[in-house]
Amino acid sequence: MFNFRLILAAAAIASLSACLDSDLERGLAGAAAGAVIADALGGNPVTGAIAGGAAGALCDEVTNICR
């Protein structure tokens, strides 16, 4: 049940990243979501934060979802 709440919180953060204006804001939201998801799944939160931050910062260049 606890992991479900963490994943739900991370999904909420990730879905709000489209409302953010700059790459920095999306990167920070992605880093937070990546760390929470990695921790919930038993991975390394630092690695999750790095991957999530990169994905958040580059999201608008790759897809239209973050615009």
N, C-alpha and C. Protein backbone atom coordinates (compact mmCIF):
# COMPACT_ATOMS: atom_id res chain seq x y z
N MET A 1 0.82 -1.20 0.00
CA MET A 1 0.00 0.00 0.00
C MET A 1 0.87 1.26 0.00
N PHE A 2 1.98 1.20 0.75
CA PHE A 2 2.86 2.36 0.82
C PHE A 2 3.49 2.64 -0.54
N ASN A 3 3.92 1.60 -1.25
CA ASN A 3 4.51 1.80 -2.58
C ASN A 3 3.50 2.38 -3.55
N PHE A 4 2.25 1.97 -3.44
CA PHE A 4 1.21 2.50 -4.32
C PHE A 4 1.07 4.00 -4.12
N ARG A 5 1.12 4.46 -2.90
CA ARG A 5 1.01 5.90 -2.62
C ARG A 5 2.20 6.66 -3.19
N LEU A 6 3.39 6.10 -3.07
CA LEU A 6 4.56 6.76 -3.62
C LEU A 6 4.49 6.84 -5.14
N ILE A 7 4.07 5.77 -5.76
CA ILE A 7 3.95 5.77 -7.22
C ILE A 7 2.87 6.74 -7.67
N LEU A 8 1.77 6.80 -6.93
CA LEU A 8 0.71 7.74 -7.25
C LEU A 8 1.18 9.19 -7.10
N ALA A 9 1.96 9.46 -6.06
CA ALA A 9 2.49 10.81 -5.86
C ALA A 9 3.46 11.18 -6.99
N ALA A 10 4.30 10.23 -7.38
CA ALA A 10 5.24 10.48 -8.47
C ALA A 10 4.50 10.71 -9.78
N ALA A 11 3.44 9.97 -10.01
CA ALA A 11 2.66 10.16 -11.23
C ALA A 11 2.00 11.54 -11.23
N ALA A 12 1.55 11.99 -10.08
CA ALA A 12 0.95 13.32 -9.99
C ALA A 12 1.98 14.41 -10.29
N ILE A 13 3.19 14.23 -9.76
CA ILE A 13 4.25 15.20 -10.03
C ILE A 13 4.59 15.22 -11.51
N ALA A 14 4.69 14.03 -12.09
CA ALA A 14 5.04 13.93 -13.51
C ALA A 14 3.95 14.53 -14.40
N SER A 15 2.70 14.33 -14.03
CA SER A 15 1.62 14.87 -14.85
C SER A 15 1.54 16.39 -14.76
N LEU A 16 1.98 16.94 -13.66
CA LEU A 16 1.98 18.40 -13.51
C LEU A 16 3.15 19.05 -14.22
N SER A 17 4.11 18.25 -14.67
CA SER A 17 5.29 18.83 -15.31
C SER A 17 4.93 19.55 -16.60
N ALA A 18 3.82 19.20 -17.22
CA ALA A 18 3.40 19.89 -18.44
C ALA A 18 2.97 21.33 -18.14
N CYS A 19 2.60 21.62 -16.92
CA CYS A 19 2.16 22.96 -16.54
C CYS A 19 3.33 23.88 -16.21
N LEU A 20 4.53 23.34 -16.18
CA LEU A 20 5.69 24.12 -15.82
C LEU A 20 6.23 24.84 -17.06
N ASP A 21 6.82 26.01 -16.85
CA ASP A 21 7.20 26.88 -17.96
C ASP A 21 8.60 26.64 -18.51
N SER A 22 9.55 26.33 -17.65
CA SER A 22 10.93 26.25 -18.13
C SER A 22 11.48 24.83 -18.02
N ASP A 23 12.59 24.62 -18.71
CA ASP A 23 13.26 23.32 -18.64
C ASP A 23 13.75 23.03 -17.22
N LEU A 24 14.17 24.07 -16.51
CA LEU A 24 14.64 23.89 -15.14
C LEU A 24 13.52 23.39 -14.24
N GLU A 25 12.34 23.98 -14.34
CA GLU A 25 11.21 23.55 -13.52
C GLU A 25 10.81 22.12 -13.86
N ARG A 26 10.75 21.79 -15.16
CA ARG A 26 10.42 20.42 -15.56
C ARG A 26 11.49 19.44 -15.12
N GLY A 27 12.75 19.87 -15.16
CA GLY A 27 13.84 19.02 -14.70
C GLY A 27 13.77 18.72 -13.21
N LEU A 28 13.44 19.74 -12.43
CA LEU A 28 13.31 19.53 -10.99
C LEU A 28 12.13 18.62 -10.65
N ALA A 29 11.02 18.81 -11.34
CA ALA A 29 9.87 17.94 -11.12
C ALA A 29 10.19 16.51 -11.55
N GLY A 30 10.90 16.36 -12.66
CA GLY A 30 11.29 15.04 -13.12
C GLY A 30 12.26 14.37 -12.17
N ALA A 31 13.17 15.14 -11.60
CA ALA A 31 14.11 14.58 -10.63
C ALA A 31 13.40 14.10 -9.38
N ALA A 32 12.45 14.89 -8.91
CA ALA A 32 11.68 14.49 -7.73
C ALA A 32 10.87 13.22 -8.01
N ALA A 33 10.22 13.19 -9.15
CA ALA A 33 9.42 12.01 -9.51
C ALA A 33 10.32 10.80 -9.71
N GLY A 34 11.45 10.97 -10.35
CA GLY A 34 12.37 9.87 -10.58
C GLY A 34 12.91 9.29 -9.28
N ALA A 35 13.23 10.15 -8.34
CA ALA A 35 13.74 9.67 -7.05
C ALA A 35 12.67 8.91 -6.28
N VAL A 36 11.45 9.42 -6.29
CA VAL A 36 10.36 8.75 -5.58
C VAL A 36 10.04 7.40 -6.21
N ILE A 37 9.99 7.35 -7.52
CA ILE A 37 9.67 6.09 -8.20
C ILE A 37 10.78 5.08 -7.99
N ALA A 38 12.03 5.51 -8.11
CA ALA A 38 13.15 4.58 -7.90
C ALA A 38 13.15 4.04 -6.48
N ASP A 39 12.89 4.89 -5.51
CA ASP A 39 12.85 4.44 -4.11
C ASP A 39 11.69 3.49 -3.88
N ALA A 40 10.55 3.77 -4.48
CA ALA A 40 9.38 2.90 -4.30
C ALA A 40 9.59 1.53 -4.93
N LEU A 41 10.38 1.48 -5.99
CA LEU A 41 10.62 0.22 -6.68
C LEU A 41 11.88 -0.48 -6.19
N GLY A 42 12.54 0.07 -5.18
CA GLY A 42 13.71 -0.57 -4.60
C GLY A 42 15.01 -0.23 -5.31
N GLY A 43 15.00 0.79 -6.14
CA GLY A 43 16.21 1.20 -6.85
C GLY A 43 16.95 2.29 -6.11
N ASN A 44 17.94 2.85 -6.75
CA ASN A 44 18.74 3.92 -6.18
C ASN A 44 18.06 5.26 -6.47
N PRO A 45 17.66 6.01 -5.43
CA PRO A 45 16.97 7.28 -5.65
C PRO A 45 17.82 8.32 -6.38
N VAL A 46 19.13 8.30 -6.18
CA VAL A 46 20.00 9.26 -6.85
C VAL A 46 20.00 9.01 -8.36
N THR A 47 20.10 7.75 -8.74
CA THR A 47 20.05 7.41 -10.16
C THR A 47 18.69 7.76 -10.75
N GLY A 48 17.64 7.48 -9.99
CA GLY A 48 16.30 7.85 -10.44
C GLY A 48 16.13 9.34 -10.61
N ALA A 49 16.73 10.12 -9.70
CA ALA A 49 16.65 11.58 -9.80
C ALA A 49 17.40 12.09 -11.02
N ILE A 50 18.55 11.50 -11.30
CA ILE A 50 19.32 11.92 -12.48
C ILE A 50 18.55 11.61 -13.76
N ALA A 51 18.02 10.39 -13.84
CA ALA A 51 17.27 10.00 -15.04
C ALA A 51 15.99 10.81 -15.17
N GLY A 52 15.28 11.02 -14.08
CA GLY A 52 14.05 11.79 -14.10
C GLY A 52 14.29 13.25 -14.43
N GLY A 53 15.36 13.81 -13.91
CA GLY A 53 15.69 15.20 -14.21
C GLY A 53 16.03 15.40 -15.67
N ALA A 54 16.79 14.47 -16.23
CA ALA A 54 17.12 14.54 -17.65
C ALA A 54 15.87 14.40 -18.51
N ALA A 55 15.01 13.45 -18.13
CA ALA A 55 13.78 13.25 -18.89
C ALA A 55 12.87 14.48 -18.81
N GLY A 56 12.77 15.07 -17.63
CA GLY A 56 11.93 16.26 -17.48
C GLY A 56 12.47 17.45 -18.24
N ALA A 57 13.78 17.65 -18.21
CA ALA A 57 14.36 18.80 -18.89
C ALA A 57 14.29 18.67 -20.41
N LEU A 58 14.38 17.44 -20.91
CA LEU A 58 14.39 17.23 -22.36
C LEU A 58 13.04 16.85 -22.92
N CYS A 59 12.02 16.78 -22.08
CA CYS A 59 10.71 16.30 -22.51
C CYS A 59 10.11 17.13 -23.63
N ASP A 60 10.21 18.45 -23.54
CA ASP A 60 9.57 19.28 -24.57
C ASP A 60 10.31 19.26 -25.90
N GLU A 61 11.57 18.85 -25.92
CA GLU A 61 12.28 18.71 -27.18
C GLU A 61 11.94 17.42 -27.91
N VAL A 62 11.53 16.42 -27.15
CA VAL A 62 11.30 15.09 -27.72
C VAL A 62 9.83 14.86 -28.08
N THR A 63 8.93 15.38 -27.27
CA THR A 63 7.51 15.11 -27.46
C THR A 63 6.68 16.36 -27.23
N ASN A 64 5.43 16.33 -27.64
CA ASN A 64 4.53 17.47 -27.45
C ASN A 64 3.79 17.40 -26.12
N ILE A 65 3.96 16.35 -25.36
CA ILE A 65 3.23 16.19 -24.10
C ILE A 65 3.59 17.28 -23.10
N CYS A 66 4.83 17.70 -23.08
CA CYS A 66 5.30 18.66 -22.07
C CYS A 66 5.15 20.11 -22.49
N ARG A 67 4.51 20.36 -23.59
CA ARG A 67 4.38 21.76 -24.05
C ARG A 67 3.09 22.36 -23.60
